[in-house]
Amino acid sequence: MSPRRPDADVPPGLLLVDKPGGMTSHDVVARARRALSVRKIGHAGTLDPMATGLLVLGVGTATRLLGYVGGHDKTYEATIRLGQATVTDDREGEVLSSTSAAHLGDDDVRAALAAQTGPLQQVPSAVSAVKVDGRRSYDRVRAGEAVELAPRSVTVHRLEVHRTARPEDDVLDVDVTVDCTAGTYIRAIARDAGAALSVGGHLTVLRRTASGPFAIAQAGTVEDAAASLVAGGGPGFLGLTEAARLVFPERPLTAEEARALGYGQRIPATGAAGLHAAVDPDGRLSALVEDAGRTARVVVGFPPA
């Protein structure tokens, strides 16, 4: 076996990628690894292969930020088709039933979608990445098992209807924008609204346009974002400190405090709750810190390369 090549020497940071349709999130990570010759790359929050839009990748020590980035609220643009239910709750699955939606008016549709806002107990699609006894739900479904997933608490902050259209007499397409908490399934919204209207529903288009403080306008292709990282700046790339400042309040450090954190020592507390990005006098992210009594402790460290 040939020895593994060392990783290329590139700065840590986040890649903001506009994922094309037909690729898994893992495919995007693999493409980034090839473009940068770096193994340590991960992603914050998956997108289905059908979906397009914002996928946040972490490179190098920036992977330590991903667990905090992925938990932020999300924004999606979607098209819901009423009149057909599918096994996957999106256009890629086999049609389970077709019931004419010709009788539905805009008021009916808006009322059904309004019921899908606010705090919800949402049952994920059976063909999802949720694990059941250690195995992905979609693997169990593909193996012929019947899967019933437990409902999850999610919140849909906003569901705005932009347009309705009838591509065929018996189906109705509804274009929407959804602001929601992490873990919300937009295809479950389509499924449940269709069920409430007794015609079935599924997604035909899904595009993520924002994740926390990051927006699709900042994103680029994998290759363009990787090129920006190598160049030290540009579209699709945020350096480690810049990214942390967007996610967390900043705590400027003195040189003495920066040295103490480098040794894993505590520094004086500030009295401000929650995680803070501790930035040294040179503008480098030293750690994520959190007050614990009279001192602040290191939660995640970012030692110099």
C-alpha atoms as a PDB file:
ATOM      1  CA  MET A   1       0.000   0.000   0.000  1.00  0.00           C
ATOM      2  CA  SER A   2       1.416   3.378  -0.975  1.00  0.00           C
ATOM      3  CA  PRO A   3       1.852   5.896   1.849  1.00  0.00           C
ATOM      4  CA  ARG A   4      -0.872   8.501   2.204  1.00  0.00           C
ATOM      5  CA  ARG A   5       0.165  11.887   0.886  1.00  0.00           C
ATOM      6  CA  PRO A   6       0.278  14.689   3.469  1.00  0.00           C
ATOM      7  CA  ASP A   7      -2.461  17.292   3.344  1.00  0.00           C
ATOM      8  CA  ALA A   8      -1.769  20.445   1.399  1.00  0.00           C
ATOM      9  CA  ASP A   9      -0.869  23.471   3.500  1.00  0.00           C
ATOM     10  CA  VAL A  10      -4.020  25.587   3.236  1.00  0.00           C
ATOM     11  CA  PRO A  11      -5.610  27.975   5.746  1.00  0.00           C
ATOM     12  CA  PRO A  12      -8.567  26.764   7.825  1.00  0.00           C
ATOM     13  CA  GLY A  13     -11.951  28.260   7.086  1.00  0.00           C
ATOM     14  CA  LEU A  14     -15.437  27.716   5.772  1.00  0.00           C
ATOM     15  CA  LEU A  15     -16.411  27.046   2.166  1.00  0.00           C
ATOM     16  CA  LEU A  16     -19.872  28.303   1.238  1.00  0.00           C
ATOM     17  CA  VAL A  17     -20.926  26.064  -1.635  1.00  0.00           C
ATOM     18  CA  ASP A  18     -23.945  26.321  -3.917  1.00  0.00           C
ATOM     19  CA  LYS A  19     -24.691  22.599  -4.208  1.00  0.00           C
ATOM     20  CA  PRO A  20     -26.040  21.507  -7.582  1.00  0.00           C
ATOM     21  CA  GLY A  21     -28.882  19.025  -7.867  1.00  0.00           C
ATOM     22  CA  GLY A  22     -28.055  15.336  -8.164  1.00  0.00           C
ATOM     23  CA  MET A  23     -25.145  15.389  -5.720  1.00  0.00           C
ATOM     24  CA  THR A  24     -25.162  14.192  -2.129  1.00  0.00           C
ATOM     25  CA  SER A  25     -23.569  16.332   0.552  1.00  0.00           C
ATOM     26  CA  HIS A  26     -20.852  13.667   0.790  1.00  0.00           C
ATOM     27  CA  ASP A  27     -20.200  14.075  -2.948  1.00  0.00           C
ATOM     28  CA  VAL A  28     -19.585  17.794  -2.382  1.00  0.00           C
ATOM     29  CA  VAL A  29     -17.162  17.066   0.454  1.00  0.00           C
ATOM     30  CA  ALA A  30     -15.302  14.540  -1.717  1.00  0.00           C
ATOM     31  CA  ARG A  31     -15.011  17.096  -4.529  1.00  0.00           C
ATOM     32  CA  ALA A  32     -13.643  19.692  -2.093  1.00  0.00           C
ATOM     33  CA  ARG A  33     -11.081  17.195  -0.796  1.00  0.00           C
ATOM     34  CA  ARG A  34      -9.869  16.583  -4.337  1.00  0.00           C
ATOM     35  CA  ALA A  35      -9.752  20.287  -5.169  1.00  0.00           C
ATOM     36  CA  LEU A  36      -7.709  21.127  -2.062  1.00  0.00           C
ATOM     37  CA  SER A  37      -5.781  17.875  -1.466  1.00  0.00           C
ATOM     38  CA  VAL A  38      -7.013  18.034   2.129  1.00  0.00           C
ATOM     39  CA  ARG A  39      -8.744  15.167   3.955  1.00  0.00           C
ATOM     40  CA  LYS A  40     -10.047  17.084   6.977  1.00  0.00           C
ATOM     41  CA  ILE A  41     -13.233  18.540   5.489  1.00  0.00           C
ATOM     42  CA  GLY A  42     -16.768  18.180   6.808  1.00  0.00           C
ATOM     43  CA  HIS A  43     -20.179  19.749   6.282  1.00  0.00           C
ATOM     44  CA  ALA A  44     -22.788  21.411   8.485  1.00  0.00           C
ATOM     45  CA  GLY A  45     -26.267  20.114   7.726  1.00  0.00           C
ATOM     46  CA  THR A  46     -26.973  17.792   4.807  1.00  0.00           C
ATOM     47  CA  LEU A  47     -29.000  18.525   1.702  1.00  0.00           C
ATOM     48  CA  ASP A  48     -30.909  15.823  -0.158  1.00  0.00           C
ATOM     49  CA  PRO A  49     -29.509  14.963  -3.607  1.00  0.00           C
ATOM     50  CA  MET A  50     -32.558  16.600  -5.220  1.00  0.00           C
ATOM     51  CA  ALA A  51     -31.996  19.839  -3.322  1.00  0.00           C
ATOM     52  CA  THR A  52     -29.741  22.691  -4.365  1.00  0.00           C
ATOM     53  CA  GLY A  53     -28.314  25.640  -2.515  1.00  0.00           C
ATOM     54  CA  LEU A  54     -26.171  26.546   0.443  1.00  0.00           C
ATOM     55  CA  LEU A  55     -23.940  23.876   1.931  1.00  0.00           C
ATOM     56  CA  VAL A  56     -21.383  24.986   4.512  1.00  0.00           C
ATOM     57  CA  LEU A  57     -18.091  23.055   4.575  1.00  0.00           C
ATOM     58  CA  GLY A  58     -15.329  23.325   7.161  1.00  0.00           C
ATOM     59  CA  VAL A  59     -11.680  22.874   6.208  1.00  0.00           C
ATOM     60  CA  GLY A  60      -8.983  21.909   8.702  1.00  0.00           C
ATOM     61  CA  THR A  61      -9.538  23.157  12.253  1.00  0.00           C
ATOM     62  CA  ALA A  62     -12.645  25.023  11.046  1.00  0.00           C
ATOM     63  CA  THR A  63     -14.425  21.648  11.173  1.00  0.00           C
ATOM     64  CA  ARG A  64     -14.621  22.344  14.917  1.00  0.00           C
ATOM     65  CA  LEU A  65     -17.109  25.121  14.171  1.00  0.00           C
ATOM     66  CA  LEU A  66     -19.486  22.949  12.163  1.00  0.00           C
ATOM     67  CA  GLY A  67     -21.436  21.583  15.113  1.00  0.00           C
ATOM     68  CA  TYR A  68     -22.357  25.146  16.053  1.00  0.00           C
ATOM     69  CA  VAL A  69     -23.043  26.337  12.498  1.00  0.00           C
ATOM     70  CA  GLY A  70     -25.421  23.489  11.644  1.00  0.00           C
ATOM     71  CA  GLY A  71     -27.817  24.243  14.477  1.00  0.00           C
ATOM     72  CA  HIS A  72     -28.843  27.660  13.165  1.00  0.00           C
ATOM     73  CA  ASP A  73     -32.171  28.470  11.529  1.00  0.00           C
ATOM     74  CA  LYS A  74     -32.497  27.819   7.795  1.00  0.00           C
ATOM     75  CA  THR A  75     -34.306  29.454   4.879  1.00  0.00           C
ATOM     76  CA  TYR A  76     -35.584  27.513   1.864  1.00  0.00           C
ATOM     77  CA  GLU A  77     -37.291  28.249  -1.420  1.00  0.00           C
ATOM     78  CA  ALA A  78     -39.532  25.336  -2.417  1.00  0.00           C
ATOM     79  CA  THR A  79     -42.278  24.209  -4.746  1.00  0.00           C
ATOM     80  CA  ILE A  80     -45.007  21.985  -3.298  1.00  0.00           C
ATOM     81  CA  ARG A  81     -47.089  19.899  -5.671  1.00  0.00           C
ATOM     82  CA  LEU A  82     -50.584  19.127  -4.419  1.00  0.00           C
ATOM     83  CA  GLY A  83     -52.519  16.231  -5.928  1.00  0.00           C
ATOM     84  CA  GLN A  84     -49.866  13.514  -5.659  1.00  0.00           C
ATOM     85  CA  ALA A  85     -48.235  11.719  -2.744  1.00  0.00           C
ATOM     86  CA  THR A  86     -44.891   9.937  -3.206  1.00  0.00           C
ATOM     87  CA  VAL A  87     -42.971   7.388  -1.169  1.00  0.00           C
ATOM     88  CA  THR A  88     -40.153   9.874  -0.494  1.00  0.00           C
ATOM     89  CA  ASP A  89     -42.355  12.975  -0.162  1.00  0.00           C
ATOM     90  CA  ASP A  90     -40.421  14.504  -3.069  1.00  0.00           C
ATOM     91  CA  ARG A  91     -40.317  14.148  -6.852  1.00  0.00           C
ATOM     92  CA  GLU A  92     -37.704  11.374  -6.773  1.00  0.00           C
ATOM     93  CA  GLY A  93     -40.014   8.818  -5.185  1.00  0.00           C
ATOM     94  CA  GLU A  94     -42.644   6.549  -6.689  1.00  0.00           C
ATOM     95  CA  VAL A  95     -46.138   8.066  -6.777  1.00  0.00           C
ATOM     96  CA  LEU A  96     -48.258   6.392  -4.115  1.00  0.00           C
ATOM     97  CA  SER A  97     -51.559   8.107  -4.894  1.00  0.00           C
ATOM     98  CA  SER A  98     -53.074  10.727  -7.186  1.00  0.00           C
ATOM     99  CA  THR A  99     -56.124  12.717  -6.157  1.00  0.00           C
ATOM    100  CA  SER A 100     -57.344  15.659  -8.177  1.00  0.00           C
ATOM    101  CA  ALA A 101     -56.536  19.064  -6.713  1.00  0.00           C
ATOM    102  CA  ALA A 102     -58.669  20.838  -9.337  1.00  0.00           C
ATOM    103  CA  HIS A 103     -61.186  21.945  -6.721  1.00  0.00           C
ATOM    104  CA  LEU A 104     -58.644  23.641  -4.468  1.00  0.00           C
ATOM    105  CA  GLY A 105     -58.622  27.420  -4.316  1.00  0.00           C
ATOM    106  CA  ASP A 106     -55.859  29.693  -3.069  1.00  0.00           C
ATOM    107  CA  ASP A 107     -57.615  30.220   0.255  1.00  0.00           C
ATOM    108  CA  ASP A 108     -57.717  26.444   0.861  1.00  0.00           C
ATOM    109  CA  VAL A 109     -54.015  26.156   0.129  1.00  0.00           C
ATOM    110  CA  ARG A 110     -53.008  29.119   2.273  1.00  0.00           C
ATOM    111  CA  ALA A 111     -55.036  27.825   5.212  1.00  0.00           C
ATOM    112  CA  ALA A 112     -53.440  24.362   5.001  1.00  0.00           C
ATOM    113  CA  LEU A 113     -49.940  25.844   4.839  1.00  0.00           C
ATOM    114  CA  ALA A 114     -50.664  28.296   7.653  1.00  0.00           C
ATOM    115  CA  ALA A 115     -51.375  25.239   9.814  1.00  0.00           C
ATOM    116  CA  GLN A 116     -47.788  24.134   9.100  1.00  0.00           C
ATOM    117  CA  THR A 117     -46.324  27.183  10.853  1.00  0.00           C
ATOM    118  CA  GLY A 118     -45.320  27.778  14.447  1.00  0.00           C
ATOM    119  CA  PRO A 119     -44.186  25.018  16.835  1.00  0.00           C
ATOM    120  CA  LEU A 120     -44.867  21.612  15.273  1.00  0.00           C
ATOM    121  CA  GLN A 121     -44.547  17.963  16.173  1.00  0.00           C
ATOM    122  CA  GLN A 122     -43.266  16.837  12.779  1.00  0.00           C
ATOM    123  CA  VAL A 123     -42.801  13.228  11.698  1.00  0.00           C
ATOM    124  CA  PRO A 124     -39.741  12.991   9.402  1.00  0.00           C
ATOM    125  CA  SER A 125     -40.094  11.267   6.064  1.00  0.00           C
ATOM    126  CA  ALA A 126     -39.515   7.517   6.359  1.00  0.00           C
ATOM    127  CA  VAL A 127     -36.943   7.892   3.581  1.00  0.00           C
ATOM    128  CA  SER A 128     -34.675  10.158   5.637  1.00  0.00           C
ATOM    129  CA  ALA A 129     -31.286  10.010   7.314  1.00  0.00           C
ATOM    130  CA  VAL A 130     -32.794   9.606  10.779  1.00  0.00           C
ATOM    131  CA  LYS A 131     -31.282   6.594  12.535  1.00  0.00           C
ATOM    132  CA  VAL A 132     -33.478   3.803  13.867  1.00  0.00           C
ATOM    133  CA  ASP A 133     -31.575   1.402  16.144  1.00  0.00           C
ATOM    134  CA  GLY A 134     -28.304   2.447  14.545  1.00  0.00           C
ATOM    135  CA  ARG A 135     -29.416   2.208  10.903  1.00  0.00           C
ATOM    136  CA  ARG A 136     -30.557   5.026   8.619  1.00  0.00           C
ATOM    137  CA  SER A 137     -34.301   5.052   8.082  1.00  0.00           C
ATOM    138  CA  TYR A 138     -33.895   5.140   4.288  1.00  0.00           C
ATOM    139  CA  ASP A 139     -31.764   1.977   4.419  1.00  0.00           C
ATOM    140  CA  ARG A 140     -34.510   0.179   6.324  1.00  0.00           C
ATOM    141  CA  VAL A 141     -37.185   1.340   3.862  1.00  0.00           C
ATOM    142  CA  ARG A 142     -35.093   0.227   0.884  1.00  0.00           C
ATOM    143  CA  ALA A 143     -34.693  -3.164   2.563  1.00  0.00           C
ATOM    144  CA  GLY A 144     -38.487  -3.502   2.609  1.00  0.00           C
ATOM    145  CA  GLU A 145     -39.043  -2.716   6.278  1.00  0.00           C
ATOM    146  CA  ALA A 146     -41.985  -0.659   7.505  1.00  0.00           C
ATOM    147  CA  VAL A 147     -40.602   2.336   9.398  1.00  0.00           C
ATOM    148  CA  GLU A 148     -42.501   4.630  11.726  1.00  0.00           C
ATOM    149  CA  LEU A 149     -40.475   7.548  13.025  1.00  0.00           C
ATOM    150  CA  ALA A 150     -41.237   9.452  16.192  1.00  0.00           C
ATOM    151  CA  PRO A 151     -42.365  13.067  15.813  1.00  0.00           C
ATOM    152  CA  ARG A 152     -39.807  15.797  16.464  1.00  0.00           C
ATOM    153  CA  SER A 153     -40.235  19.294  17.820  1.00  0.00           C
ATOM    154  CA  VAL A 154     -39.517  21.882  15.119  1.00  0.00           C
ATOM    155  CA  THR A 155     -40.616  25.463  14.515  1.00  0.00           C
ATOM    156  CA  VAL A 156     -41.584  27.047  11.219  1.00  0.00           C
ATOM    157  CA  HIS A 157     -41.147  30.773  11.760  1.00  0.00           C
ATOM    158  CA  ARG A 158     -42.514  31.852   8.375  1.00  0.00           C
ATOM    159  CA  LEU A 159     -44.137  30.134   5.422  1.00  0.00           C
ATOM    160  CA  GLU A 160     -44.896  32.594   2.650  1.00  0.00           C
ATOM    161  CA  VAL A 161     -46.817  31.643  -0.487  1.00  0.00           C
ATOM    162  CA  HIS A 162     -45.528  33.464  -3.569  1.00  0.00           C
ATOM    163  CA  ARG A 163     -47.356  31.836  -6.474  1.00  0.00           C
ATOM    164  CA  THR A 164     -49.706  29.038  -7.425  1.00  0.00           C
ATOM    165  CA  ALA A 165     -49.860  27.391 -10.852  1.00  0.00           C
ATOM    166  CA  ARG A 166     -51.584  24.445 -12.535  1.00  0.00           C
ATOM    167  CA  PRO A 167     -49.134  22.615 -14.811  1.00  0.00           C
ATOM    168  CA  GLU A 168     -51.836  19.968 -15.237  1.00  0.00           C
ATOM    169  CA  ASP A 169     -55.564  20.057 -14.551  1.00  0.00           C
ATOM    170  CA  ASP A 170     -55.376  17.768 -11.527  1.00  0.00           C
ATOM    171  CA  VAL A 171     -52.276  19.133  -9.747  1.00  0.00           C
ATOM    172  CA  LEU A 172     -51.473  22.468  -8.144  1.00  0.00           C
ATOM    173  CA  ASP A 173     -47.936  23.794  -7.669  1.00  0.00           C
ATOM    174  CA  VAL A 174     -47.269  26.222  -4.824  1.00  0.00           C
ATOM    175  CA  ASP A 175     -44.041  28.262  -4.598  1.00  0.00           C
ATOM    176  CA  VAL A 176     -43.110  29.099  -0.996  1.00  0.00           C
ATOM    177  CA  THR A 177     -40.375  30.507   1.204  1.00  0.00           C
ATOM    178  CA  VAL A 178     -39.826  28.780   4.552  1.00  0.00           C
ATOM    179  CA  ASP A 179     -37.871  30.061   7.561  1.00  0.00           C
ATOM    180  CA  CYS A 180     -37.463  27.275  10.116  1.00  0.00           C
ATOM    181  CA  THR A 181     -35.359  25.706  12.812  1.00  0.00           C
ATOM    182  CA  ALA A 182     -32.642  23.202  11.992  1.00  0.00           C
ATOM    183  CA  GLY A 183     -34.022  19.694  11.558  1.00  0.00           C
ATOM    184  CA  THR A 184     -37.259  20.779   9.880  1.00  0.00           C
ATOM    185  CA  TYR A 185     -38.216  18.655   6.874  1.00  0.00           C
ATOM    186  CA  ILE A 186     -39.703  20.815   4.115  1.00  0.00           C
ATOM    187  CA  ARG A 187     -40.931  17.694   2.306  1.00  0.00           C
ATOM    188  CA  ALA A 188     -42.824  16.742   5.474  1.00  0.00           C
ATOM    189  CA  ILE A 189     -44.565  20.128   5.271  1.00  0.00           C
ATOM    190  CA  ALA A 190     -45.579  19.296   1.692  1.00  0.00           C
ATOM    191  CA  ARG A 191     -46.749  15.819   2.735  1.00  0.00           C
ATOM    192  CA  ASP A 192     -48.744  17.053   5.726  1.00  0.00           C
ATOM    193  CA  ALA A 193     -50.359  19.984   3.898  1.00  0.00           C
ATOM    194  CA  GLY A 194     -51.393  17.605   1.110  1.00  0.00           C
ATOM    195  CA  ALA A 195     -52.814  15.163   3.632  1.00  0.00           C
ATOM    196  CA  ALA A 196     -54.779  17.936   5.353  1.00  0.00           C
ATOM    197  CA  LEU A 197     -56.282  18.845   1.982  1.00  0.00           C
ATOM    198  CA  SER A 198     -57.022  15.146   1.249  1.00  0.00           C
ATOM    199  CA  VAL A 199     -55.141  15.260  -2.077  1.00  0.00           C
ATOM    200  CA  GLY A 200     -51.569  14.334  -1.109  1.00  0.00           C
ATOM    201  CA  GLY A 201     -48.506  16.464  -1.604  1.00  0.00           C
ATOM    202  CA  HIS A 202     -44.784  16.322  -2.272  1.00  0.00           C
ATOM    203  CA  LEU A 203     -41.842  18.593  -3.099  1.00  0.00           C
ATOM    204  CA  THR A 204     -40.705  19.188  -6.657  1.00  0.00           C
ATOM    205  CA  VAL A 205     -38.103  21.910  -5.924  1.00  0.00           C
ATOM    206  CA  LEU A 206     -36.017  22.634  -2.823  1.00  0.00           C
ATOM    207  CA  ARG A 207     -33.275  25.237  -2.520  1.00  0.00           C
ATOM    208  CA  ARG A 208     -31.561  26.337   0.697  1.00  0.00           C
ATOM    209  CA  THR A 209     -30.819  30.044   0.585  1.00  0.00           C
ATOM    210  CA  ALA A 210     -29.565  30.709   4.114  1.00  0.00           C
ATOM    211  CA  SER A 211     -28.143  28.919   7.141  1.00  0.00           C
ATOM    212  CA  GLY A 212     -27.743  31.124  10.179  1.00  0.00           C
ATOM    213  CA  PRO A 213     -25.625  34.148   9.188  1.00  0.00           C
ATOM    214  CA  PHE A 214     -24.544  32.592   5.875  1.00  0.00           C
ATOM    215  CA  ALA A 215     -26.436  33.292   2.637  1.00  0.00           C
ATOM    216  CA  ILE A 216     -26.461  31.805  -0.843  1.00  0.00           C
ATOM    217  CA  ALA A 217     -25.277  35.152  -2.256  1.00  0.00           C
ATOM    218  CA  GLN A 218     -21.906  34.452  -0.596  1.00  0.00           C
ATOM    219  CA  ALA A 219     -21.597  30.956  -2.104  1.00  0.00           C
ATOM    220  CA  GLY A 220     -19.896  29.602  -5.208  1.00  0.00           C
ATOM    221  CA  THR A 221     -19.112  26.297  -6.820  1.00  0.00           C
ATOM    222  CA  VAL A 222     -16.878  23.893  -4.920  1.00  0.00           C
ATOM    223  CA  GLU A 223     -13.975  24.683  -7.223  1.00  0.00           C
ATOM    224  CA  ASP A 224     -14.427  28.454  -6.998  1.00  0.00           C
ATOM    225  CA  ALA A 225     -14.725  28.374  -3.207  1.00  0.00           C
ATOM    226  CA  ALA A 226     -11.630  26.153  -2.975  1.00  0.00           C
ATOM    227  CA  ALA A 227      -9.714  28.549  -5.231  1.00  0.00           C
ATOM    228  CA  SER A 228     -10.716  31.446  -2.961  1.00  0.00           C
ATOM    229  CA  LEU A 229      -9.415  29.544   0.066  1.00  0.00           C
ATOM    230  CA  VAL A 230      -6.058  28.899  -1.602  1.00  0.00           C
ATOM    231  CA  ALA A 231      -5.863  32.578  -2.579  1.00  0.00           C
ATOM    232  CA  GLY A 232      -6.585  33.616   1.015  1.00  0.00           C
ATOM    233  CA  GLY A 233      -9.901  35.280   0.181  1.00  0.00           C
ATOM    234  CA  GLY A 234     -12.658  35.597  -2.375  1.00  0.00           C
ATOM    235  CA  PRO A 235     -16.204  34.401  -3.134  1.00  0.00           C
ATOM    236  CA  GLY A 236     -17.273  31.273  -1.294  1.00  0.00           C
ATOM    237  CA  PHE A 237     -14.576  31.391   1.396  1.00  0.00           C
ATOM    238  CA  LEU A 238     -14.550  32.727   4.951  1.00  0.00           C
ATOM    239  CA  GLY A 239     -11.396  32.561   7.038  1.00  0.00           C
ATOM    240  CA  LEU A 240     -11.595  30.939  10.459  1.00  0.00           C
ATOM    241  CA  THR A 241     -11.719  34.166  12.468  1.00  0.00           C
ATOM    242  CA  GLU A 242     -14.146  35.879  10.100  1.00  0.00           C
ATOM    243  CA  ALA A 243     -16.480  32.886  10.222  1.00  0.00           C
ATOM    244  CA  ALA A 244     -16.361  32.695  14.024  1.00  0.00           C
ATOM    245  CA  ARG A 245     -17.148  36.406  14.314  1.00  0.00           C
ATOM    246  CA  LEU A 246     -20.303  35.866  12.253  1.00  0.00           C
ATOM    247  CA  VAL A 247     -21.501  33.020  14.462  1.00  0.00           C
ATOM    248  CA  PHE A 248     -20.424  34.195  17.943  1.00  0.00           C
ATOM    249  CA  PRO A 249     -19.967  37.479  19.798  1.00  0.00           C
ATOM    250  CA  GLU A 250     -16.287  38.436  19.847  1.00  0.00           C
ATOM    251  CA  ARG A 251     -14.130  38.614  22.957  1.00  0.00           C
ATOM    252  CA  PRO A 252     -10.910  40.518  22.239  1.00  0.00           C
ATOM    253  CA  LEU A 253      -7.942  39.075  24.131  1.00  0.00           C
ATOM    254  CA  THR A 254      -4.880  40.674  25.599  1.00  0.00           C
ATOM    255  CA  ALA A 255      -1.572  39.062  24.663  1.00  0.00           C
ATOM    256  CA  GLU A 256      -1.409  37.593  28.196  1.00  0.00           C
ATOM    257  CA  GLU A 257      -4.892  36.104  27.922  1.00  0.00           C
ATOM    258  CA  ALA A 258      -4.078  34.630  24.521  1.00  0.00           C
ATOM    259  CA  ARG A 259      -0.982  32.926  25.951  1.00  0.00           C
ATOM    260  CA  ALA A 260      -3.009  31.550  28.874  1.00  0.00           C
ATOM    261  CA  LEU A 261      -5.650  30.100  26.577  1.00  0.00           C
ATOM    262  CA  GLY A 262      -2.899  28.537  24.466  1.00  0.00           C
ATOM    263  CA  TYR A 263      -1.858  26.569  27.547  1.00  0.00           C
ATOM    264  CA  GLY A 264      -5.461  25.591  28.288  1.00  0.00           C
ATOM    265  CA  GLN A 265      -5.648  27.906  31.272  1.00  0.00           C
ATOM    266  CA  ARG A 266      -8.658  29.930  32.339  1.00  0.00           C
ATOM    267  CA  ILE A 267      -8.955  33.680  31.999  1.00  0.00           C
ATOM    268  CA  PRO A 268     -11.179  36.191  33.819  1.00  0.00           C
ATOM    269  CA  ALA A 269     -14.895  35.984  33.078  1.00  0.00           C
ATOM    270  CA  THR A 270     -16.684  38.858  31.391  1.00  0.00           C
ATOM    271  CA  GLY A 271     -20.172  38.212  32.735  1.00  0.00           C
ATOM    272  CA  ALA A 272     -21.583  37.710  29.225  1.00  0.00           C
ATOM    273  CA  ALA A 273     -23.518  34.478  28.756  1.00  0.00           C
ATOM    274  CA  GLY A 274     -22.862  31.939  25.997  1.00  0.00           C
ATOM    275  CA  LEU A 275     -19.953  31.086  23.772  1.00  0.00           C
ATOM    276  CA  HIS A 276     -17.651  33.840  22.545  1.00  0.00           C
ATOM    277  CA  ALA A 277     -15.000  33.924  19.839  1.00  0.00           C
ATOM    278  CA  ALA A 278     -11.781  34.752  21.675  1.00  0.00           C
ATOM    279  CA  VAL A 279      -9.565  36.671  19.232  1.00  0.00           C
ATOM    280  CA  ASP A 280      -5.940  37.528  19.986  1.00  0.00           C
ATOM    281  CA  PRO A 281      -4.321  40.939  19.312  1.00  0.00           C
ATOM    282  CA  ASP A 282      -3.163  39.709  15.885  1.00  0.00           C
ATOM    283  CA  GLY A 283      -6.743  38.937  14.827  1.00  0.00           C
ATOM    284  CA  ARG A 284      -6.374  35.143  15.109  1.00  0.00           C
ATOM    285  CA  LEU A 285      -9.117  32.989  16.638  1.00  0.00           C
ATOM    286  CA  SER A 286      -7.634  31.411  19.760  1.00  0.00           C
ATOM    287  CA  ALA A 287     -10.661  29.575  21.112  1.00  0.00           C
ATOM    288  CA  LEU A 288     -14.346  29.520  21.783  1.00  0.00           C
ATOM    289  CA  VAL A 289     -14.692  30.413  25.445  1.00  0.00           C
ATOM    290  CA  GLU A 290     -17.529  30.413  27.941  1.00  0.00           C
ATOM    291  CA  ASP A 291     -17.844  31.906  31.399  1.00  0.00           C
ATOM    292  CA  ALA A 292     -17.849  29.398  34.250  1.00  0.00           C
ATOM    293  CA  GLY A 293     -18.196  31.339  37.467  1.00  0.00           C
ATOM    294  CA  ARG A 294     -15.471  33.930  37.863  1.00  0.00           C
ATOM    295  CA  THR A 295     -13.367  32.564  35.041  1.00  0.00           C
ATOM    296  CA  ALA A 296     -13.853  31.723  31.371  1.00  0.00           C
ATOM    297  CA  ARG A 297     -12.885  28.290  30.102  1.00  0.00           C
ATOM    298  CA  VAL A 298     -11.880  26.976  26.702  1.00  0.00           C
ATOM    299  CA  VAL A 299     -14.725  25.044  25.041  1.00  0.00           C
ATOM    300  CA  VAL A 300     -13.002  24.592  21.662  1.00  0.00           C
ATOM    301  CA  GLY A 301      -9.351  25.484  21.104  1.00  0.00           C
ATOM    302  CA  PHE A 302      -7.726  26.591  17.860  1.00  0.00           C
ATOM    303  CA  PRO A 303      -3.960  26.281  18.377  1.00  0.00           C
ATOM    304  CA  PRO A 304      -1.600  27.960  15.896  1.00  0.00           C
ATOM    305  CA  ALA A 305      -0.693  25.821  12.885  1.00  0.00           C
END
